C-alpha atoms as a PDB file:
ATOM      1  CA  MET A   1      -0.077   0.304  -0.120  1.00  0.00           C
ATOM      2  CA  PRO A   2       1.452   3.628  -0.669  1.00  0.00           C
ATOM      3  CA  LEU A   3       2.589   5.559   1.798  1.00  0.00           C
ATOM      4  CA  PRO A   4      -0.032   8.129   3.308  1.00  0.00           C
ATOM      5  CA  PRO A   5       0.674  11.458   1.947  1.00  0.00           C
ATOM      6  CA  ASP A   6       2.179  13.022   5.662  1.00  0.00           C
ATOM      7  CA  GLU A   7       4.463   9.860   5.765  1.00  0.00           C
ATOM      8  CA  LEU A   8       5.556  10.674   1.912  1.00  0.00           C
ATOM      9  CA  PHE A   9       6.274  14.265   3.012  1.00  0.00           C
ATOM     10  CA  GLN A  10       8.094  13.547   6.382  1.00  0.00           C
ATOM     11  CA  ARG A  11      10.266  11.081   4.345  1.00  0.00           C
ATOM     12  CA  VAL A  12      11.377  13.834   1.959  1.00  0.00           C
ATOM     13  CA  ILE A  13      12.152  16.394   4.719  1.00  0.00           C
ATOM     14  CA  ASP A  14      14.408  13.370   6.213  1.00  0.00           C
ATOM     15  CA  ALA A  15      16.028  13.168   3.120  1.00  0.00           C
ATOM     16  CA  SER A  16      16.325  16.859   2.626  1.00  0.00           C
ATOM     17  CA  GLY A  17      19.739  18.850   3.223  1.00  0.00           C
ATOM     18  CA  ASP A  18      19.907  22.039   5.779  1.00  0.00           C
ATOM     19  CA  ASP A  19      17.822  23.745   3.509  1.00  0.00           C
ATOM     20  CA  GLY A  20      14.812  21.747   2.931  1.00  0.00           C
ATOM     21  CA  ARG A  21      15.629  20.712  -0.776  1.00  0.00           C
ATOM     22  CA  LEU A  22      16.315  17.353  -2.124  1.00  0.00           C
ATOM     23  CA  ALA A  23      19.703  16.866  -4.119  1.00  0.00           C
ATOM     24  CA  PRO A  24      19.306  17.156  -7.943  1.00  0.00           C
ATOM     25  CA  SER A  25      18.251  13.626  -9.455  1.00  0.00           C
ATOM     26  CA  ARG A  26      20.144  11.171 -11.617  1.00  0.00           C
ATOM     27  CA  MET A  27      18.197  12.990 -14.446  1.00  0.00           C
ATOM     28  CA  THR A  28      20.534  16.234 -14.258  1.00  0.00           C
ATOM     29  CA  GLY A  29      23.409  13.897 -15.423  1.00  0.00           C
ATOM     30  CA  TRP A  30      21.621  12.466 -18.455  1.00  0.00           C
ATOM     31  CA  GLU A  31      22.767  14.045 -21.815  1.00  0.00           C
ATOM     32  CA  ILE A  32      19.004  14.205 -22.955  1.00  0.00           C
ATOM     33  CA  PHE A  33      18.731  16.804 -19.762  1.00  0.00           C
ATOM     34  CA  PRO A  34      18.161  19.885 -21.148  1.00  0.00           C
ATOM     35  CA  PHE A  35      19.676  21.916 -18.559  1.00  0.00           C
ATOM     36  CA  GLU A  36      23.148  22.378 -16.915  1.00  0.00           C
ATOM     37  CA  ARG A  37      23.617  20.935 -13.552  1.00  0.00           C
ATOM     38  CA  ASP A  38      25.977  23.691 -11.957  1.00  0.00           C
ATOM     39  CA  GLY A  39      23.881  25.961 -10.092  1.00  0.00           C
ATOM     40  CA  LEU A  40      20.452  23.965 -10.256  1.00  0.00           C
ATOM     41  CA  ARG A  41      18.601  23.739  -7.472  1.00  0.00           C
ATOM     42  CA  VAL A  42      15.337  21.557  -6.467  1.00  0.00           C
ATOM     43  CA  VAL A  43      12.599  23.198  -4.961  1.00  0.00           C
ATOM     44  CA  ALA A  44      11.650  22.325  -2.056  1.00  0.00           C
ATOM     45  CA  LEU A  45       8.492  20.316  -1.774  1.00  0.00           C
ATOM     46  CA  GLU A  46       5.256  21.969  -0.155  1.00  0.00           C
ATOM     47  CA  PRO A  47       3.535  19.705   2.241  1.00  0.00           C
ATOM     48  CA  PRO A  48       0.125  17.726   1.079  1.00  0.00           C
ATOM     49  CA  HIS A  49      -2.635  19.775   0.489  1.00  0.00           C
ATOM     50  CA  LEU A  50      -5.880  17.662   0.845  1.00  0.00           C
ATOM     51  CA  PRO A  51      -8.559  17.581  -0.469  1.00  0.00           C
ATOM     52  CA  GLU A  52      -6.818  18.255  -3.922  1.00  0.00           C
ATOM     53  CA  PRO A  53      -8.687  21.411  -5.994  1.00  0.00           C
ATOM     54  CA  PRO A  54     -10.828  19.909  -8.741  1.00  0.00           C
ATOM     55  CA  ARG A  55      -9.256  19.245 -12.110  1.00  0.00           C
ATOM     56  CA  ARG A  56     -10.837  21.196 -15.225  1.00  0.00           C
ATOM     57  CA  GLY A  57     -13.775  19.273 -15.848  1.00  0.00           C
ATOM     58  CA  GLU A  58     -14.517  18.133 -12.130  1.00  0.00           C
ATOM     59  CA  GLY A  59     -16.939  19.094  -9.898  1.00  0.00           C
ATOM     60  CA  THR A  60     -18.931  22.455 -11.172  1.00  0.00           C
ATOM     61  CA  SER A  61     -15.436  23.300 -13.071  1.00  0.00           C
ATOM     62  CA  PRO A  62     -16.093  23.887 -16.657  1.00  0.00           C
ATOM     63  CA  CYS A  63     -14.726  21.511 -19.041  1.00  0.00           C
ATOM     64  CA  GLY A  64     -13.003  23.080 -22.204  1.00  0.00           C
ATOM     65  CA  VAL A  65     -13.257  19.907 -24.456  1.00  0.00           C
ATOM     66  CA  CYS A  66     -16.900  19.418 -23.905  1.00  0.00           C
ATOM     67  CA  ASP A  67     -17.935  23.014 -24.449  1.00  0.00           C
ATOM     68  CA  GLY A  68     -15.993  22.931 -28.172  1.00  0.00           C
ATOM     69  CA  LEU A  69     -12.475  21.406 -28.825  1.00  0.00           C
ATOM     70  CA  GLU A  70     -10.758  23.591 -31.515  1.00  0.00           C
ATOM     71  CA  GLY A  71      -7.966  22.198 -33.871  1.00  0.00           C
ATOM     72  CA  VAL A  72      -9.469  18.801 -34.804  1.00  0.00           C
ATOM     73  CA  VAL A  73      -7.922  16.998 -37.522  1.00  0.00           C
ATOM     74  CA  TRP A  74      -9.601  13.878 -37.341  1.00  0.00           C
ATOM     75  CA  SER A  75     -12.550  12.550 -35.802  1.00  0.00           C
ATOM     76  CA  ASP A  76     -14.885   9.458 -35.321  1.00  0.00           C
ATOM     77  CA  GLU A  77     -18.178   8.402 -33.875  1.00  0.00           C
ATOM     78  CA  HIS A  78     -16.279   7.897 -30.387  1.00  0.00           C
ATOM     79  CA  TRP A  79     -12.923   9.959 -30.728  1.00  0.00           C
ATOM     80  CA  GLN A  80     -11.374  13.334 -31.777  1.00  0.00           C
ATOM     81  CA  LEU A  81      -7.771  14.224 -32.318  1.00  0.00           C
ATOM     82  CA  ALA A  82      -6.768  17.633 -32.280  1.00  0.00           C
ATOM     83  CA  ALA A  83      -3.503  19.856 -32.596  1.00  0.00           C
ATOM     84  CA  PRO A  84      -2.954  22.671 -29.806  1.00  0.00           C
ATOM     85  CA  ALA A  85      -4.101  26.316 -30.698  1.00  0.00           C
ATOM     86  CA  GLU A  86       0.137  26.997 -29.826  1.00  0.00           C
ATOM     87  CA  PRO A  87       2.495  25.786 -32.567  1.00  0.00           C
ATOM     88  CA  SER A  88       5.109  23.050 -30.532  1.00  0.00           C
ATOM     89  CA  GLY A  89       8.870  23.416 -30.653  1.00  0.00           C
ATOM     90  CA  ILE A  90       8.810  19.742 -32.022  1.00  0.00           C
ATOM     91  CA  PRO A  91       7.592  19.031 -35.460  1.00  0.00           C
ATOM     92  CA  LEU A  92       4.304  18.171 -34.234  1.00  0.00           C
ATOM     93  CA  VAL A  93       2.265  17.221 -30.768  1.00  0.00           C
ATOM     94  CA  LEU A  94      -1.451  16.275 -31.508  1.00  0.00           C
ATOM     95  CA  LEU A  95      -3.761  15.319 -28.551  1.00  0.00           C
ATOM     96  CA  LEU A  96      -6.661  12.449 -28.811  1.00  0.00           C
ATOM     97  CA  PHE A  97      -9.607  12.899 -26.818  1.00  0.00           C
ATOM     98  CA  PRO A  98     -12.992  10.866 -26.507  1.00  0.00           C
ATOM     99  CA  ARG A  99     -16.025  12.321 -27.144  1.00  0.00           C
ATOM    100  CA  ALA A 100     -17.517  11.496 -23.859  1.00  0.00           C
ATOM    101  CA  HIS A 101     -16.765  13.019 -21.002  1.00  0.00           C
ATOM    102  CA  VAL A 102     -14.602  10.484 -18.972  1.00  0.00           C
ATOM    103  CA  ASP A 103     -10.922   9.776 -17.723  1.00  0.00           C
ATOM    104  CA  LEU A 104      -8.859   7.104 -18.578  1.00  0.00           C
ATOM    105  CA  GLY A 105     -10.030   4.802 -15.623  1.00  0.00           C
ATOM    106  CA  GLY A 106     -13.725   5.297 -16.689  1.00  0.00           C
ATOM    107  CA  LEU A 107     -13.245   3.937 -20.053  1.00  0.00           C
ATOM    108  CA  ASP A 108     -15.450   0.898 -20.710  1.00  0.00           C
ATOM    109  CA  ASP A 109     -13.813  -2.031 -22.586  1.00  0.00           C
ATOM    110  CA  GLU A 110     -15.051  -1.210 -26.038  1.00  0.00           C
ATOM    111  CA  ARG A 111     -13.452   2.586 -25.718  1.00  0.00           C
ATOM    112  CA  ALA A 112     -10.436   0.864 -24.483  1.00  0.00           C
ATOM    113  CA  SER A 113      -9.919  -1.411 -26.984  1.00  0.00           C
ATOM    114  CA  GLU A 114     -10.122   1.596 -29.448  1.00  0.00           C
ATOM    115  CA  LEU A 115      -7.808   3.644 -27.412  1.00  0.00           C
ATOM    116  CA  GLY A 116      -4.984   0.863 -28.228  1.00  0.00           C
ATOM    117  CA  ARG A 117      -5.579   0.676 -31.963  1.00  0.00           C
ATOM    118  CA  LEU A 118      -5.768   3.991 -31.966  1.00  0.00           C
ATOM    119  CA  VAL A 119      -2.375   4.836 -30.027  1.00  0.00           C
ATOM    120  CA  VAL A 120      -0.614   2.395 -32.578  1.00  0.00           C
ATOM    121  CA  HIS A 121      -2.369   3.647 -35.842  1.00  0.00           C
ATOM    122  CA  LEU A 122      -1.308   7.222 -34.764  1.00  0.00           C
ATOM    123  CA  ALA A 123       2.144   6.192 -33.628  1.00  0.00           C
ATOM    124  CA  ARG A 124       2.637   4.702 -37.192  1.00  0.00           C
ATOM    125  CA  ALA A 125       1.262   7.865 -39.103  1.00  0.00           C
ATOM    126  CA  ILE A 126       2.996  10.264 -36.944  1.00  0.00           C
ATOM    127  CA  GLU A 127       6.796   8.280 -37.646  1.00  0.00           C
ATOM    128  CA  ALA A 128       5.897   7.918 -41.280  1.00  0.00           C
ATOM    129  CA  LEU A 129       6.158  11.430 -41.336  1.00  0.00           C
ATOM    130  CA  PRO A 130       9.893  12.687 -42.953  1.00  0.00           C
ATOM    131  CA  HIS A 131      12.542  13.463 -40.711  1.00  0.00           C
ATOM    132  CA  VAL A 132      10.203  12.113 -37.542  1.00  0.00           C
ATOM    133  CA  ALA A 133      12.168   9.327 -35.610  1.00  0.00           C
ATOM    134  CA  ARG A 134       9.752   8.408 -32.961  1.00  0.00           C
ATOM    135  CA  ALA A 135       6.176   8.980 -31.294  1.00  0.00           C
ATOM    136  CA  HIS A 136       5.894   9.363 -27.649  1.00  0.00           C
ATOM    137  CA  VAL A 137       2.799   8.599 -26.098  1.00  0.00           C
ATOM    138  CA  SER A 138       2.142  10.280 -23.145  1.00  0.00           C
ATOM    139  CA  ARG A 139      -0.613  10.808 -20.565  1.00  0.00           C
ATOM    140  CA  TRP A 140      -0.551  12.540 -17.354  1.00  0.00           C
ATOM    141  CA  GLY A 141      -4.028  13.919 -16.241  1.00  0.00           C
ATOM    142  CA  ASP A 142      -3.667  16.367 -13.369  1.00  0.00           C
ATOM    143  CA  GLY A 143      -4.674  19.396 -15.630  1.00  0.00           C
ATOM    144  CA  GLY A 144      -8.110  17.972 -16.877  1.00  0.00           C
ATOM    145  CA  ALA A 145     -10.508  15.334 -16.005  1.00  0.00           C
ATOM    146  CA  HIS A 146     -11.823  14.544 -19.704  1.00  0.00           C
ATOM    147  CA  LEU A 147      -9.025  12.282 -20.648  1.00  0.00           C
ATOM    148  CA  HIS A 148      -6.326  13.354 -23.297  1.00  0.00           C
ATOM    149  CA  VAL A 149      -3.839  11.874 -24.782  1.00  0.00           C
ATOM    150  CA  PHE A 150      -0.618  13.315 -25.912  1.00  0.00           C
ATOM    151  CA  PHE A 151       1.538  12.131 -29.023  1.00  0.00           C
ATOM    152  CA  LEU A 152       4.615  14.043 -29.704  1.00  0.00           C
ATOM    153  CA  ALA A 153       6.633  13.489 -32.793  1.00  0.00           C
ATOM    154  CA  ARG A 154      10.417  13.316 -31.779  1.00  0.00           C
ATOM    155  CA  PRO A 155      12.961  14.673 -34.466  1.00  0.00           C
ATOM    156  CA  ALA A 156      15.224  12.593 -36.297  1.00  0.00           C
ATOM    157  CA  GLY A 157      18.949  13.101 -35.629  1.00  0.00           C
ATOM    158  CA  PHE A 158      18.549  14.579 -32.000  1.00  0.00           C
ATOM    159  CA  SER A 159      19.766  12.202 -29.644  1.00  0.00           C
ATOM    160  CA  GLN A 160      19.375  15.039 -26.879  1.00  0.00           C
ATOM    161  CA  LEU A 161      15.824  15.114 -27.241  1.00  0.00           C
ATOM    162  CA  ARG A 162      15.371  11.616 -26.840  1.00  0.00           C
ATOM    163  CA  GLY A 163      12.975   9.951 -23.787  1.00  0.00           C
ATOM    164  CA  SER A 164      11.157  11.734 -20.903  1.00  0.00           C
ATOM    165  CA  CYS A 165      12.487  15.269 -21.735  1.00  0.00           C
ATOM    166  CA  LEU A 166      11.392  15.651 -24.829  1.00  0.00           C
ATOM    167  CA  PRO A 167       8.218  17.867 -23.521  1.00  0.00           C
ATOM    168  CA  ILE A 168      10.875  20.221 -21.409  1.00  0.00           C
ATOM    169  CA  TRP A 169      12.459  20.762 -24.902  1.00  0.00           C
ATOM    170  CA  ASP A 170       9.298  21.232 -26.858  1.00  0.00           C
ATOM    171  CA  ASP A 171       8.835  24.388 -24.501  1.00  0.00           C
ATOM    172  CA  LEU A 172      12.406  25.433 -25.242  1.00  0.00           C
ATOM    173  CA  LEU A 173      12.652  25.121 -28.939  1.00  0.00           C
ATOM    174  CA  PRO A 174      11.582  27.801 -31.362  1.00  0.00           C
ATOM    175  CA  PRO A 175       7.878  27.157 -32.414  1.00  0.00           C
ATOM    176  CA  THR A 176       7.424  24.947 -35.633  1.00  0.00           C
ATOM    177  CA  PRO A 177       5.735  27.462 -38.329  1.00  0.00           C
ATOM    178  CA  VAL A 178       2.156  27.152 -38.271  1.00  0.00           C
ATOM    179  CA  GLU A 179       2.050  26.226 -41.739  1.00  0.00           C
ATOM    180  CA  VAL A 180       4.017  23.332 -41.371  1.00  0.00           C
ATOM    181  CA  ARG A 181       2.306  21.876 -38.411  1.00  0.00           C
ATOM    182  CA  ASP A 182      -1.022  21.899 -40.018  1.00  0.00           C
ATOM    183  CA  ARG A 183       0.301  20.238 -42.969  1.00  0.00           C
ATOM    184  CA  ASP A 184       1.918  17.371 -40.680  1.00  0.00           C
ATOM    185  CA  ALA A 185      -1.420  17.344 -38.935  1.00  0.00           C
ATOM    186  CA  ALA A 186      -3.235  16.659 -41.806  1.00  0.00           C
ATOM    187  CA  LEU A 187      -1.072  14.255 -43.258  1.00  0.00           C
ATOM    188  CA  VAL A 188      -1.528  12.218 -39.900  1.00  0.00           C
ATOM    189  CA  ALA A 189      -5.175  12.739 -39.903  1.00  0.00           C
ATOM    190  CA  GLU A 190      -5.546  11.208 -43.506  1.00  0.00           C
ATOM    191  CA  ARG A 191      -3.413   7.952 -42.931  1.00  0.00           C
ATOM    192  CA  LEU A 192      -5.460   7.538 -39.797  1.00  0.00           C
ATOM    193  CA  ALA A 193      -8.518   7.744 -41.424  1.00  0.00           C
ATOM    194  CA  ALA A 194      -7.171   5.217 -44.306  1.00  0.00           C
ATOM    195  CA  ALA A 195      -5.897   2.490 -41.640  1.00  0.00           C
ATOM    196  CA  TYR A 196      -8.436   3.107 -39.040  1.00  0.00           C
ATOM    197  CA  GLY A 197     -11.598   4.721 -40.112  1.00  0.00           C
ATOM    198  CA  GLY A 198     -12.880   8.241 -39.238  1.00  0.00           C
ATOM    199  CA  THR A 199     -12.837  11.384 -41.039  1.00  0.00           C
ATOM    200  CA  ALA A 200      -9.996  13.558 -41.521  1.00  0.00           C
ATOM    201  CA  GLY A 201     -10.536  17.277 -40.735  1.00  0.00           C
ATOM    202  CA  ALA A 202     -12.966  19.362 -38.557  1.00  0.00           C
ATOM    203  CA  ARG A 203     -16.613  17.978 -38.155  1.00  0.00           C
END
């Protein structure tokens, strides 16, 4: 059983230095880490705050997805694929949403099966783009209660961008031109429609 929040916090305090901060993690020494280790400090961990505040689309908080999803490039009866409003630093970022207001643990077996197939087809379509080496797939779920799965295109030839730091690099790199992002998103949508079904383009 996971530790209760107060016990977990006490373990962090016990492991922290005199300044109340943990030592930098091993990740700071990885070649993919985007910052120099010298002068880097870990922020102090705040004590737990329970209950947690509601996420977007939870309780009385409005859901931006249900209120009208913008940037849709592909859809079918149960799912929508969209590009974020702001261009990404990496070649392409896409988000997959169920049409129903449901989080990952709330998917029934049929939708869960569809999600698995969509993840595979989307990864194939993204990795078929020129100059893309890998499609990274991520779900965090702390910002919104409406399931959203991220697909991030890692550009070929940049070994520093491999792995779990790719979202940080995406935030640091200059934005991909909108017309390039839109063209690549449309290509992915067309390939997804051809291989899986659904309709490319907003509807």
